[in-house]
Structure formats: structure tokens, C-alpha cells
Full PDB file with SEQRES, HELIX, SHEET, SSBOND, CRYST1, ORIGX, SCALE, CONECT and MASTER records, all heavy atoms in Angstrom:
SEQRES   1 A   39  SER TYR ALA ASP SER ALA LYS GLY ARG PHE THR ILE SER          
SEQRES   2 A   39  ARG ASP ASN ALA LYS ASN THR VAL TYR LEU GLN MET SER          
SEQRES   3 A   39  SER LEU LYS PRO GLU ASP THR ALA VAL TYR SER CYS ALA          
HELIX    1 AA1 ASN A   16  LYS A   18  5                                   3    
HELIX    2 AA2 PRO A   30  ASP A   32  5                                   3    
SHEET    1 AA1 2 PHE A  10  ASP A  15  0                                        
SHEET    2 AA1 2 THR A  20  MET A  25 -1                                        
CRYST1    1.000    1.000    1.000  90.00  90.00  90.00 P 1           1          
ORIGX1      1.000000  0.000000  0.000000        0.00000                         
ORIGX2      0.000000  1.000000  0.000000        0.00000                         
ORIGX3      0.000000  0.000000  1.000000        0.00000                         
SCALE1      1.000000  0.000000  0.000000        0.00000                         
SCALE2      0.000000  1.000000  0.000000        0.00000                         
SCALE3      0.000000  0.000000  1.000000        0.00000                         
ATOM      1  N   SER A   1      31.520  33.787-217.078  1.00  0.00           N  
ATOM      2  CA  SER A   1      30.954  33.943-215.753  1.00  0.00           C  
ATOM      3  C   SER A   1      31.204  35.361-215.280  1.00  0.00           C  
ATOM      4  O   SER A   1      32.143  36.022-215.733  1.00  0.00           O  
ATOM      5  CB  SER A   1      31.538  32.930-214.764  1.00  0.00           C  
ATOM      6  OG  SER A   1      32.938  33.115-214.620  1.00  0.00           O  
ATOM      7  N   TYR A   2      30.363  35.829-214.353  1.00  0.00           N  
ATOM      8  CA  TYR A   2      30.410  37.209-213.915  1.00  0.00           C  
ATOM      9  C   TYR A   2      30.167  37.310-212.423  1.00  0.00           C  
ATOM     10  O   TYR A   2      29.450  36.498-211.835  1.00  0.00           O  
ATOM     11  CB  TYR A   2      29.348  38.044-214.636  1.00  0.00           C  
ATOM     12  CG  TYR A   2      29.496  38.052-216.130  1.00  0.00           C  
ATOM     13  CD1 TYR A   2      28.841  37.113-216.918  1.00  0.00           C  
ATOM     14  CD2 TYR A   2      30.301  38.992-216.757  1.00  0.00           C  
ATOM     15  CE1 TYR A   2      28.986  37.112-218.290  1.00  0.00           C  
ATOM     16  CE2 TYR A   2      30.451  39.002-218.136  1.00  0.00           C  
ATOM     17  CZ  TYR A   2      29.793  38.059-218.893  1.00  0.00           C  
ATOM     18  OH  TYR A   2      29.943  38.062-220.262  1.00  0.00           O  
ATOM     19  N   ALA A   3      30.761  38.323-211.848  1.00  0.00           N  
ATOM     20  CA  ALA A   3      30.406  38.680-210.492  1.00  0.00           C  
ATOM     21  C   ALA A   3      28.966  39.172-210.465  1.00  0.00           C  
ATOM     22  O   ALA A   3      28.463  39.710-211.460  1.00  0.00           O  
ATOM     23  CB  ALA A   3      31.343  39.760-209.966  1.00  0.00           C  
ATOM     24  N   ASP A   4      28.314  39.000-209.334  1.00  0.00           N  
ATOM     25  CA  ASP A   4      26.929  39.440-209.227  1.00  0.00           C  
ATOM     26  C   ASP A   4      26.783  40.922-209.560  1.00  0.00           C  
ATOM     27  O   ASP A   4      25.790  41.341-210.171  1.00  0.00           O  
ATOM     28  CB  ASP A   4      26.390  39.164-207.826  1.00  0.00           C  
ATOM     29  CG  ASP A   4      26.137  37.695-207.573  1.00  0.00           C  
ATOM     30  OD1 ASP A   4      26.038  36.926-208.554  1.00  0.00           O  
ATOM     31  OD2 ASP A   4      26.039  37.312-206.397  1.00  0.00           O  
ATOM     32  N   SER A   5      27.760  41.708-209.175  1.00  0.00           N  
ATOM     33  CA  SER A   5      27.702  43.138-209.414  1.00  0.00           C  
ATOM     34  C   SER A   5      27.802  43.493-210.889  1.00  0.00           C  
ATOM     35  O   SER A   5      27.446  44.605-211.282  1.00  0.00           O  
ATOM     36  CB  SER A   5      28.820  43.848-208.641  1.00  0.00           C  
ATOM     37  OG  SER A   5      30.092  43.389-209.054  1.00  0.00           O  
ATOM     38  N   ALA A   6      28.292  42.564-211.696  1.00  0.00           N  
ATOM     39  CA  ALA A   6      28.501  42.820-213.115  1.00  0.00           C  
ATOM     40  C   ALA A   6      27.449  42.188-214.012  1.00  0.00           C  
ATOM     41  O   ALA A   6      27.312  42.597-215.174  1.00  0.00           O  
ATOM     42  CB  ALA A   6      29.880  42.310-213.534  1.00  0.00           C  
ATOM     43  N   LYS A   7      26.730  41.232-213.506  1.00  0.00           N  
ATOM     44  CA  LYS A   7      25.754  40.521-214.327  1.00  0.00           C  
ATOM     45  C   LYS A   7      24.718  41.472-214.903  1.00  0.00           C  
ATOM     46  O   LYS A   7      24.181  42.328-214.215  1.00  0.00           O  
ATOM     47  CB  LYS A   7      25.055  39.439-213.505  1.00  0.00           C  
ATOM     48  CG  LYS A   7      25.928  38.249-213.179  1.00  0.00           C  
ATOM     49  CD  LYS A   7      25.175  37.221-212.351  1.00  0.00           C  
ATOM     50  CE  LYS A   7      26.055  36.031-212.021  1.00  0.00           C  
ATOM     51  NZ  LYS A   7      25.358  35.054-211.148  1.00  0.00           N  
ATOM     52  N   GLY A   8      24.461  41.294-216.181  1.00  0.00           N  
ATOM     53  CA  GLY A   8      23.485  42.121-216.864  1.00  0.00           C  
ATOM     54  C   GLY A   8      24.028  43.429-217.374  1.00  0.00           C  
ATOM     55  O   GLY A   8      23.357  44.104-218.166  1.00  0.00           O  
ATOM     56  N   ARG A   9      25.216  43.808-216.940  1.00  0.00           N  
ATOM     57  CA  ARG A   9      25.809  45.073-217.358  1.00  0.00           C  
ATOM     58  C   ARG A   9      27.128  44.897-218.101  1.00  0.00           C  
ATOM     59  O   ARG A   9      27.443  45.693-218.980  1.00  0.00           O  
ATOM     60  CB  ARG A   9      26.044  45.983-216.151  1.00  0.00           C  
ATOM     61  CG  ARG A   9      24.781  46.325-215.377  1.00  0.00           C  
ATOM     62  CD  ARG A   9      25.054  47.383-214.323  1.00  0.00           C  
ATOM     63  NE  ARG A   9      26.045  46.934-213.345  1.00  0.00           N  
ATOM     64  CZ  ARG A   9      27.201  47.568-213.102  1.00  0.00           C  
ATOM     65  NH1 ARG A   9      27.498  48.673-213.766  1.00  0.00           N  
ATOM     66  NH2 ARG A   9      28.032  47.101-212.186  1.00  0.00           N  
ATOM     67  N   PHE A  10      27.883  43.879-217.734  1.00  0.00           N  
ATOM     68  CA  PHE A  10      29.203  43.648-218.327  1.00  0.00           C  
ATOM     69  C   PHE A  10      29.165  42.401-219.195  1.00  0.00           C  
ATOM     70  O   PHE A  10      28.454  41.433-218.891  1.00  0.00           O  
ATOM     71  CB  PHE A  10      30.263  43.444-217.245  1.00  0.00           C  
ATOM     72  CG  PHE A  10      30.569  44.654-216.406  1.00  0.00           C  
ATOM     73  CD1 PHE A  10      29.845  45.830-216.521  1.00  0.00           C  
ATOM     74  CD2 PHE A  10      31.611  44.604-215.489  1.00  0.00           C  
ATOM     75  CE1 PHE A  10      30.134  46.939-215.736  1.00  0.00           C  
ATOM     76  CE2 PHE A  10      31.913  45.700-214.707  1.00  0.00           C  
ATOM     77  CZ  PHE A  10      31.175  46.870-214.826  1.00  0.00           C  
ATOM     78  N   THR A  11      29.952  42.411-220.258  1.00  0.00           N  
ATOM     79  CA  THR A  11      30.087  41.259-221.132  1.00  0.00           C  
ATOM     80  C   THR A  11      31.556  41.043-221.459  1.00  0.00           C  
ATOM     81  O   THR A  11      32.229  41.961-221.928  1.00  0.00           O  
ATOM     82  CB  THR A  11      29.298  41.438-222.436  1.00  0.00           C  
ATOM     83  OG1 THR A  11      27.916  41.655-222.149  1.00  0.00           O  
ATOM     84  CG2 THR A  11      29.434  40.196-223.309  1.00  0.00           C  
ATOM     85  N   ILE A  12      32.038  39.839-221.206  1.00  0.00           N  
ATOM     86  CA  ILE A  12      33.399  39.494-221.570  1.00  0.00           C  
ATOM     87  C   ILE A  12      33.372  38.717-222.880  1.00  0.00           C  
ATOM     88  O   ILE A  12      32.492  37.885-223.108  1.00  0.00           O  
ATOM     89  CB  ILE A  12      34.102  38.692-220.455  1.00  0.00           C  
ATOM     90  CG1 ILE A  12      35.586  38.488-220.774  1.00  0.00           C  
ATOM     91  CG2 ILE A  12      33.404  37.366-220.207  1.00  0.00           C  
ATOM     92  CD1 ILE A  12      36.384  37.907-219.612  1.00  0.00           C  
ATOM     93  N   SER A  13      34.314  38.998-223.738  1.00  0.00           N  
ATOM     94  CA  SER A  13      34.407  38.315-225.013  1.00  0.00           C  
ATOM     95  C   SER A  13      35.863  38.259-225.440  1.00  0.00           C  
ATOM     96  O   SER A  13      36.720  38.887-224.827  1.00  0.00           O  
ATOM     97  CB  SER A  13      33.561  39.012-226.085  1.00  0.00           C  
ATOM     98  OG  SER A  13      34.014  40.335-226.308  1.00  0.00           O  
ATOM     99  N   ARG A  14      36.133  37.511-226.482  1.00  0.00           N  
ATOM    100  CA  ARG A  14      37.503  37.416-226.971  1.00  0.00           C  
ATOM    101  C   ARG A  14      37.525  37.312-228.477  1.00  0.00           C  
ATOM    102  O   ARG A  14      36.564  36.873-229.113  1.00  0.00           O  
ATOM    103  CB  ARG A  14      38.218  36.213-226.351  1.00  0.00           C  
ATOM    104  CG  ARG A  14      37.672  34.869-226.815  1.00  0.00           C  
ATOM    105  CD  ARG A  14      38.303  33.725-226.063  1.00  0.00           C  
ATOM    106  NE  ARG A  14      37.754  32.444-226.484  1.00  0.00           N  
ATOM    107  CZ  ARG A  14      37.763  31.350-225.759  1.00  0.00           C  
ATOM    108  NH1 ARG A  14      38.316  31.372-224.538  1.00  0.00           N  
ATOM    109  NH2 ARG A  14      37.233  30.234-226.227  1.00  0.00           N  
ATOM    110  N   ASP A  15      38.636  37.725-229.035  1.00  0.00           N  
ATOM    111  CA  ASP A  15      38.909  37.585-230.451  1.00  0.00           C  
ATOM    112  C   ASP A  15      40.234  36.854-230.543  1.00  0.00           C  
ATOM    113  O   ASP A  15      41.295  37.462-230.386  1.00  0.00           O  
ATOM    114  CB  ASP A  15      38.965  38.940-231.140  1.00  0.00           C  
ATOM    115  CG  ASP A  15      39.103  38.838-232.646  1.00  0.00           C  
ATOM    116  OD1 ASP A  15      39.619  37.811-233.142  1.00  0.00           O  
ATOM    117  OD2 ASP A  15      38.704  39.784-233.342  1.00  0.00           O  
ATOM    118  N   ASN A  16      40.178  35.562-230.781  1.00  0.00           N  
ATOM    119  CA  ASN A  16      41.390  34.756-230.786  1.00  0.00           C  
ATOM    120  C   ASN A  16      42.360  35.174-231.890  1.00  0.00           C  
ATOM    121  O   ASN A  16      43.579  35.102-231.711  1.00  0.00           O  
ATOM    122  CB  ASN A  16      41.038  33.279-230.928  1.00  0.00           C  
ATOM    123  CG  ASN A  16      40.377  32.714-229.694  1.00  0.00           C  
ATOM    124  OD1 ASN A  16      40.602  33.192-228.580  1.00  0.00           O  
ATOM    125  ND2 ASN A  16      39.563  31.685-229.876  1.00  0.00           N  
ATOM    126  N   ALA A  17      41.830  35.594-233.024  1.00  0.00           N  
ATOM    127  CA  ALA A  17      42.686  36.017-234.121  1.00  0.00           C  
ATOM    128  C   ALA A  17      43.514  37.241-233.749  1.00  0.00           C  
ATOM    129  O   ALA A  17      44.621  37.424-234.252  1.00  0.00           O  
ATOM    130  CB  ALA A  17      41.858  36.296-235.372  1.00  0.00           C  
ATOM    131  N   LYS A  18      42.974  38.077-232.882  1.00  0.00           N  
ATOM    132  CA  LYS A  18      43.672  39.283-232.447  1.00  0.00           C  
ATOM    133  C   LYS A  18      44.346  39.117-231.097  1.00  0.00           C  
ATOM    134  O   LYS A  18      44.938  40.072-230.592  1.00  0.00           O  
ATOM    135  CB  LYS A  18      42.700  40.458-232.389  1.00  0.00           C  
ATOM    136  CG  LYS A  18      42.106  40.838-233.735  1.00  0.00           C  
ATOM    137  CD  LYS A  18      41.166  42.016-233.599  1.00  0.00           C  
ATOM    138  CE  LYS A  18      40.594  42.417-234.942  1.00  0.00           C  
ATOM    139  NZ  LYS A  18      39.652  43.557-234.826  1.00  0.00           N  
ATOM    140  N   ASN A  19      44.243  37.926-230.515  1.00  0.00           N  
ATOM    141  CA  ASN A  19      44.816  37.668-229.195  1.00  0.00           C  
ATOM    142  C   ASN A  19      44.361  38.703-228.177  1.00  0.00           C  
ATOM    143  O   ASN A  19      45.152  39.210-227.380  1.00  0.00           O  
ATOM    144  CB  ASN A  19      46.343  37.632-229.264  1.00  0.00           C  
ATOM    145  CG  ASN A  19      46.870  36.511-230.126  1.00  0.00           C  
ATOM    146  OD1 ASN A  19      46.427  35.377-230.005  1.00  0.00           O  
ATOM    147  ND2 ASN A  19      47.825  36.818-230.990  1.00  0.00           N  
ATOM    148  N   THR A  20      43.089  38.999-228.212  1.00  0.00           N  
ATOM    149  CA  THR A  20      42.549  40.070-227.398  1.00  0.00           C  
ATOM    150  C   THR A  20      41.281  39.616-226.697  1.00  0.00           C  
ATOM    151  O   THR A  20      40.444  38.938-227.290  1.00  0.00           O  
ATOM    152  CB  THR A  20      42.258  41.309-228.251  1.00  0.00           C  
ATOM    153  OG1 THR A  20      43.472  41.753-228.871  1.00  0.00           O  
ATOM    154  CG2 THR A  20      41.697  42.439-227.404  1.00  0.00           C  
ATOM    155  N   VAL A  21      41.155  40.009-225.450  1.00  0.00           N  
ATOM    156  CA  VAL A  21      39.936  39.793-224.692  1.00  0.00           C  
ATOM    157  C   VAL A  21      39.358  41.159-224.350  1.00  0.00           C  
ATOM    158  O   VAL A  21      40.103  42.118-224.123  1.00  0.00           O  
ATOM    159  CB  VAL A  21      40.192  38.943-223.433  1.00  0.00           C  
ATOM    160  CG1 VAL A  21      41.139  39.648-222.472  1.00  0.00           C  
ATOM    161  CG2 VAL A  21      38.888  38.588-222.747  1.00  0.00           C  
ATOM    162  N   TYR A  22      38.042  41.251-224.318  1.00  0.00           N  
ATOM    163  CA  TYR A  22      37.363  42.513-224.106  1.00  0.00           C  
ATOM    164  C   TYR A  22      36.448  42.438-222.894  1.00  0.00           C  
ATOM    165  O   TYR A  22      35.968  41.370-222.519  1.00  0.00           O  
ATOM    166  CB  TYR A  22      36.513  42.889-225.319  1.00  0.00           C  
ATOM    167  CG  TYR A  22      37.273  42.948-226.613  1.00  0.00           C  
ATOM    168  CD1 TYR A  22      37.313  41.852-227.467  1.00  0.00           C  
ATOM    169  CD2 TYR A  22      37.950  44.103-226.990  1.00  0.00           C  
ATOM    170  CE1 TYR A  22      38.008  41.901-228.660  1.00  0.00           C  
ATOM    171  CE2 TYR A  22      38.646  44.166-228.180  1.00  0.00           C  
ATOM    172  CZ  TYR A  22      38.674  43.060-229.016  1.00  0.00           C  
ATOM    173  OH  TYR A  22      39.366  43.123-230.203  1.00  0.00           O  
ATOM    174  N   LEU A  23      36.208  43.573-222.320  1.00  0.00           N  
ATOM    175  CA  LEU A  23      35.181  43.709-221.307  1.00  0.00           C  
ATOM    176  C   LEU A  23      34.318  44.896-221.690  1.00  0.00           C  
ATOM    177  O   LEU A  23      34.756  46.043-221.601  1.00  0.00           O  
ATOM    178  CB  LEU A  23      35.778  43.908-219.911  1.00  0.00           C  
ATOM    179  CG  LEU A  23      34.757  43.957-218.774  1.00  0.00           C  
ATOM    180  CD1 LEU A  23      34.079  42.598-218.601  1.00  0.00           C  
ATOM    181  CD2 LEU A  23      35.413  44.388-217.463  1.00  0.00           C  
ATOM    182  N   GLN A  24      33.110  44.609-222.145  1.00  0.00           N  
ATOM    183  CA  GLN A  24      32.152  45.649-222.482  1.00  0.00           C  
ATOM    184  C   GLN A  24      31.351  45.979-221.235  1.00  0.00           C  
ATOM    185  O   GLN A  24      30.715  45.095-220.661  1.00  0.00           O  
ATOM    186  CB  GLN A  24      31.227  45.182-223.600  1.00  0.00           C  
ATOM    187  CG  GLN A  24      30.158  46.194-223.990  1.00  0.00           C  
ATOM    188  CD  GLN A  24      30.732  47.433-224.621  1.00  0.00           C  
ATOM    189  OE1 GLN A  24      31.532  47.350-225.542  1.00  0.00           O  
ATOM    190  NE2 GLN A  24      30.336  48.595-224.123  1.00  0.00           N  
ATOM    191  N   MET A  25      31.391  47.223-220.833  1.00  0.00           N  
ATOM    192  CA  MET A  25      30.729  47.663-219.617  1.00  0.00           C  
ATOM    193  C   MET A  25      29.665  48.689-219.970  1.00  0.00           C  
ATOM    194  O   MET A  25      29.944  49.666-220.657  1.00  0.00           O  
ATOM    195  CB  MET A  25      31.733  48.256-218.632  1.00  0.00           C  
ATOM    196  CG  MET A  25      32.890  47.323-218.295  1.00  0.00           C  
ATOM    197  SD  MET A  25      33.991  47.996-217.033  1.00  0.00           S  
ATOM    198  CE  MET A  25      34.669  49.391-217.931  1.00  0.00           C  
ATOM    199  N   SER A  26      28.466  48.459-219.475  1.00  0.00           N  
ATOM    200  CA  SER A  26      27.346  49.353-219.718  1.00  0.00           C  
ATOM    201  C   SER A  26      26.693  49.714-218.398  1.00  0.00           C  
ATOM    202  O   SER A  26      26.920  49.064-217.375  1.00  0.00           O  
ATOM    203  CB  SER A  26      26.324  48.703-220.649  1.00  0.00           C  
ATOM    204  OG  SER A  26      26.894  48.368-221.896  1.00  0.00           O  
ATOM    205  N   SER A  27      25.864  50.745-218.444  1.00  0.00           N  
ATOM    206  CA  SER A  27      25.153  51.207-217.245  1.00  0.00           C  
ATOM    207  C   SER A  27      26.109  51.364-216.073  1.00  0.00           C  
ATOM    208  O   SER A  27      25.846  50.897-214.961  1.00  0.00           O  
ATOM    209  CB  SER A  27      24.019  50.239-216.899  1.00  0.00           C  
ATOM    210  OG  SER A  27      23.105  50.125-217.961  1.00  0.00           O  
ATOM    211  N   LEU A  28      27.197  52.029-216.324  1.00  0.00           N  
ATOM    212  CA  LEU A  28      28.244  52.144-215.319  1.00  0.00           C  
ATOM    213  C   LEU A  28      27.778  52.955-214.118  1.00  0.00           C  
ATOM    214  O   LEU A  28      27.008  53.907-214.249  1.00  0.00           O  
ATOM    215  CB  LEU A  28      29.490  52.768-215.930  1.00  0.00           C  
ATOM    216  CG  LEU A  28      30.304  51.818-216.816  1.00  0.00           C  
ATOM    217  CD1 LEU A  28      31.270  52.592-217.695  1.00  0.00           C  
ATOM    218  CD2 LEU A  28      31.050  50.805-215.956  1.00  0.00           C  
ATOM    219  N   LYS A  29      28.264  52.553-212.966  1.00  0.00           N  
ATOM    220  CA  LYS A  29      27.942  53.182-211.703  1.00  0.00           C  
ATOM    221  C   LYS A  29      29.210  53.703-211.052  1.00  0.00           C  
ATOM    222  O   LYS A  29      30.294  53.189-211.311  1.00  0.00           O  
ATOM    223  CB  LYS A  29      27.273  52.168-210.760  1.00  0.00           C  
ATOM    224  CG  LYS A  29      26.077  51.449-211.343  1.00  0.00           C  
ATOM    225  CD  LYS A  29      25.607  50.347-210.408  1.00  0.00           C  
ATOM    226  CE  LYS A  29      24.435  49.585-210.992  1.00  0.00           C  
ATOM    227  NZ  LYS A  29      24.005  48.485-210.093  1.00  0.00           N  
ATOM    228  N   PRO A  30      29.086  54.693-210.190  1.00  0.00           N  
ATOM    229  CA  PRO A  30      30.282  55.181-209.498  1.00  0.00           C  
ATOM    230  C   PRO A  30      31.040  54.081-208.768  1.00  0.00           C  
ATOM    231  O   PRO A  30      32.271  54.133-208.694  1.00  0.00           O  
ATOM    232  CB  PRO A  30      29.721  56.218-208.523  1.00  0.00           C  
ATOM    233  CG  PRO A  30      28.507  56.735-209.217  1.00  0.00           C  
ATOM    234  CD  PRO A  30      27.913  55.538-209.911  1.00  0.00           C  
ATOM    235  N   GLU A  31      30.336  53.093-208.254  1.00  0.00           N  
ATOM    236  CA  GLU A  31      31.000  52.011-207.556  1.00  0.00           C  
ATOM    237  C   GLU A  31      31.793  51.086-208.474  1.00  0.00           C  
ATOM    238  O   GLU A  31      32.508  50.202-207.997  1.00  0.00           O  
ATOM    239  CB  GLU A  31      30.004  51.187-206.727  1.00  0.00           C  
ATOM    240  CG  GLU A  31      28.781  50.740-207.501  1.00  0.00           C  
ATOM    241  CD  GLU A  31      27.584  51.656-207.288  1.00  0.00           C  
ATOM    242  OE1 GLU A  31      27.774  52.891-207.336  1.00  0.00           O  
ATOM    243  OE2 GLU A  31      26.471  51.147-207.066  1.00  0.00           O  
ATOM    244  N   ASP A  32      31.668  51.275-209.784  1.00  0.00           N  
ATOM    245  CA  ASP A  32      32.499  50.545-210.729  1.00  0.00           C  
ATOM    246  C   ASP A  32      33.891  51.151-210.859  1.00  0.00           C  
ATOM    247  O   ASP A  32      34.757  50.571-211.522  1.00  0.00           O  
ATOM    248  CB  ASP A  32      31.847  50.498-212.110  1.00  0.00           C  
ATOM    249  CG  ASP A  32      30.557  49.701-212.127  1.00  0.00           C  
ATOM    250  OD1 ASP A  32      30.507  48.630-211.479  1.00  0.00           O  
ATOM    251  OD2 ASP A  32      29.602  50.139-212.797  1.00  0.00           O  
ATOM    252  N   THR A  33      34.093  52.304-210.275  1.00  0.00           N  
ATOM    253  CA  THR A  33      35.390  52.956-210.344  1.00  0.00           C  
ATOM    254  C   THR A  33      36.466  52.064-209.739  1.00  0.00           C  
ATOM    255  O   THR A  33      36.354  51.624-208.596  1.00  0.00           O  
ATOM    256  CB  THR A  33      35.352  54.302-209.610  1.00  0.00           C  
ATOM    257  OG1 THR A  33      34.457  55.188-210.288  1.00  0.00           O  
ATOM    258  CG2 THR A  33      36.735  54.932-209.565  1.00  0.00           C  
ATOM    259  N   ALA A  34      37.499  51.793-210.516  1.00  0.00           N  
ATOM    260  CA  ALA A  34      38.558  50.895-210.075  1.00  0.00           C  
ATOM    261  C   ALA A  34      39.630  50.822-211.147  1.00  0.00           C  
ATOM    262  O   ALA A  34      39.444  51.288-212.272  1.00  0.00           O  
ATOM    263  CB  ALA A  34      38.007  49.489-209.807  1.00  0.00           C  
ATOM    264  N   VAL A  35      40.745  50.224-210.781  1.00  0.00           N  
ATOM    265  CA  VAL A  35      41.734  49.814-211.760  1.00  0.00           C  
ATOM    266  C   VAL A  35      41.356  48.421-212.234  1.00  0.00           C  
ATOM    267  O   VAL A  35      41.224  47.497-211.426  1.00  0.00           O  
ATOM    268  CB  VAL A  35      43.157  49.820-211.177  1.00  0.00           C  
ATOM    269  CG1 VAL A  35      44.145  49.250-212.192  1.00  0.00           C  
ATOM    270  CG2 VAL A  35      43.563  51.228-210.780  1.00  0.00           C  
ATOM    271  N   TYR A  36      41.175  48.279-213.523  1.00  0.00           N  
ATOM    272  CA  TYR A  36      40.783  47.007-214.108  1.00  0.00           C  
ATOM    273  C   TYR A  36      41.994  46.341-214.738  1.00  0.00           C  
ATOM    274  O   TYR A  36      42.710  46.955-215.526  1.00  0.00           O  
ATOM    275  CB  TYR A  36      39.692  47.213-215.165  1.00  0.00           C  
ATOM    276  CG  TYR A  36      38.340  47.510-214.572  1.00  0.00           C  
ATOM    277  CD1 TYR A  36      38.080  48.736-213.984  1.00  0.00           C  
ATOM    278  CD2 TYR A  36      37.330  46.552-214.594  1.00  0.00           C  
ATOM    279  CE1 TYR A  36      36.844  49.008-213.422  1.00  0.00           C  
ATOM    280  CE2 TYR A  36      36.087  46.813-214.042  1.00  0.00           C  
ATOM    281  CZ  TYR A  36      35.844  48.038-213.453  1.00  0.00           C  
ATOM    282  OH  TYR A  36      34.614  48.303-212.899  1.00  0.00           O  
ATOM    283  N   SER A  37      42.209  45.084-214.391  1.00  0.00           N  
ATOM    284  CA  SER A  37      43.345  44.330-214.886  1.00  0.00           C  
ATOM    285  C   SER A  37      42.880  43.038-215.516  1.00  0.00           C  
ATOM    286  O   SER A  37      41.953  42.397-215.016  1.00  0.00           O  
ATOM    287  CB  SER A  37      44.322  44.008-213.752  1.00  0.00           C  
ATOM    288  OG  SER A  37      44.790  45.184-213.121  1.00  0.00           O  
ATOM    289  N   CYS A  38      43.526  42.648-216.593  1.00  0.00           N  
ATOM    290  CA  CYS A  38      43.240  41.346-217.165  1.00  0.00           C  
ATOM    291  C   CYS A  38      44.295  40.357-216.705  1.00  0.00           C  
ATOM    292  O   CYS A  38      45.423  40.729-216.360  1.00  0.00           O  
ATOM    293  CB  CYS A  38      43.150  41.396-218.694  1.00  0.00           C  
ATOM    294  SG  CYS A  38      44.691  41.741-219.556  1.00  0.00           S  
ATOM    295  N   ALA A  39      43.926  39.100-216.680  1.00  0.00           N  
ATOM    296  CA  ALA A  39      44.813  38.051-216.219  1.00  0.00           C  
ATOM    297  C   ALA A  39      44.582  36.796-217.038  1.00  0.00           C  
ATOM    298  O   ALA A  39      43.436  36.412-217.275  1.00  0.00           O  
ATOM    299  CB  ALA A  39      44.590  37.761-214.737  1.00  0.00           C  
TER     300      ALA A  39                                                      
MASTER        0    0    0    2    2    0    0    6  299    1    0    3          
END                                                                             
């Protein structure tokens, strides 16, 4: 699921073997500027 501001531009995925989750961000905008944290 995605925030409206992220839909169509961001993709979340995971690799269970690597115990890692990813956030692929495309078409970035200045308003995307932030500290990004995983939880």
C-alpha cells in the first residue's frame, strides 16, 4: 500500500533471504525531501 503522494512513483519490495526491504523511488520531486525511516 502507498500514500497518495507516492502512488505510481514509489515501489516497496522485500527480499526475505536478505532480511531487507526496499523502497524504489522514481520521478522524485523536491517535496519528497525528508528523512526516510523503515519500521
